[in-house]
Structures are given as structure tokens and as C-alpha cells.
Amino acid sequence: MNLNQVTLPAINIAESVAFYKKMGFIQIVEADHYARFECPQGEATFSIHKTEQTHGNNGCVIYFETESVSSQAAT
């Protein structure tokens, strides 16, 4: 199984983009409401999406990749 992507909410996309670039993430997608980055190491990507608040149902989304969920869950 592979960690594919993590998405976090952000109230201010521009400030968040500046912060994550300083942390070494490489921006690969830029939009008013969304930004996506390649991680400095590994194959996973990281993204932020614009939201009005960072609590409640606007939380983190984690994407995993596997050839077969059934096979992976059975082990």
C-alpha cells in the first residue's frame, strides 16, 4: 500500500502556499481555491483546499493506493 496524497483545509491559500514552499514542498498545481505540492522526498503529494473554517467537516483527507483493497485487508 502506498500513501498517495494528503489534503488539508486552509483559510488563506496564499499564506499557506508561502509557508509550505519555505518548508521545501514543490508546488505543482495553483488555483484560487486549491494548491498541490510534491513532497521533497518520496512519491506522495500534499494539497490544501480553501475553506472558511478549519474545524468541523472541513478536515484532513488521506488517499491511499493499493492494487486490491480486498487482498490488502485480508492480510
Protein backbone atom coordinates (compact mmCIF):
# COMPACT_ATOMS: atom_id res chain seq x y z
CA MET A 1 0.00 0.00 0.00
CA ASN A 2 1.21 3.49 -0.82
CA LEU A 3 0.33 6.85 0.70
CA ASN A 4 -0.81 8.82 -2.36
CA GLN A 5 -1.94 12.22 -1.12
CA VAL A 6 -2.90 14.20 1.98
CA THR A 7 -5.24 17.21 1.68
CA LEU A 8 -5.66 19.80 4.43
CA PRO A 9 -8.01 22.78 4.73
CA ALA A 10 -6.62 26.32 4.61
CA ILE A 11 -8.33 29.62 5.30
CA ASN A 12 -5.71 31.67 3.42
CA ILE A 13 -4.31 29.84 0.39
CA ALA A 14 -1.60 32.43 -0.41
CA GLU A 15 -0.17 32.39 3.13
CA SER A 16 -0.33 28.60 3.25
CA VAL A 17 1.42 28.25 -0.13
CA ALA A 18 4.22 30.56 1.03
CA PHE A 19 4.63 28.55 4.25
CA TYR A 20 4.77 25.13 2.56
CA LYS A 21 7.20 26.38 -0.11
CA LYS A 22 9.51 27.52 2.71
CA MET A 23 9.20 24.01 4.15
CA GLY A 24 10.57 22.58 0.88
CA PHE A 25 7.38 21.42 -0.84
CA ILE A 26 7.36 21.92 -4.64
CA GLN A 27 4.13 23.47 -5.95
CA ILE A 28 2.70 21.60 -8.97
CA VAL A 29 -0.90 22.95 -9.07
CA GLU A 30 -2.01 26.52 -8.45
CA ALA A 31 -5.63 27.75 -8.29
CA ASP A 32 -7.57 30.31 -6.26
CA HIS A 33 -9.12 27.58 -4.10
CA TYR A 34 -6.51 24.80 -4.26
CA ALA A 35 -2.77 24.14 -4.32
CA ARG A 36 -0.91 20.86 -4.68
CA PHE A 37 2.70 20.09 -3.88
CA GLU A 38 5.19 17.31 -4.41
CA CYS A 39 6.91 16.24 -1.23
CA PRO A 40 10.66 16.91 -1.04
CA GLN A 41 11.22 13.16 -0.57
CA GLY A 42 9.12 10.15 -1.55
CA GLU A 43 6.25 9.87 -4.03
CA ALA A 44 3.32 11.28 -2.05
CA THR A 45 1.73 14.63 -2.80
CA PHE A 46 0.27 17.16 -0.42
CA SER A 47 -2.51 19.64 -1.11
CA ILE A 48 -4.52 22.39 0.54
CA HIS A 49 -8.05 23.48 -0.27
CA LYS A 50 -9.71 26.77 0.60
CA THR A 51 -12.28 26.70 3.37
CA GLU A 52 -13.96 29.24 5.62
CA GLN A 53 -13.07 27.32 8.78
CA THR A 54 -10.55 24.62 9.67
CA HIS A 55 -12.68 22.66 12.10
CA GLY A 56 -15.84 20.57 11.75
CA ASN A 57 -16.26 18.66 8.48
CA ASN A 58 -13.51 20.55 6.66
CA GLY A 59 -10.73 18.32 7.93
CA CYS A 60 -7.92 16.28 6.54
CA VAL A 61 -8.38 13.80 3.68
CA ILE A 62 -5.86 10.99 3.22
CA TYR A 63 -5.64 8.96 0.00
CA PHE A 64 -4.01 5.52 -0.15
CA GLU A 65 -3.19 3.44 -3.25
CA THR A 66 -3.30 -0.33 -3.44
CA GLU A 67 -3.74 -2.92 -6.17
CA SER A 68 -6.58 -4.63 -4.29
CA VAL A 69 -8.31 -3.38 -1.15
CA SER A 70 -9.76 -6.86 -0.55
CA SER A 71 -6.36 -8.53 -0.70
CA GLN A 72 -4.72 -5.85 1.43
CA ALA A 73 -7.44 -6.03 4.11
CA ALA A 74 -7.26 -9.82 4.24
CA THR A 75 -3.60 -9.90 5.24
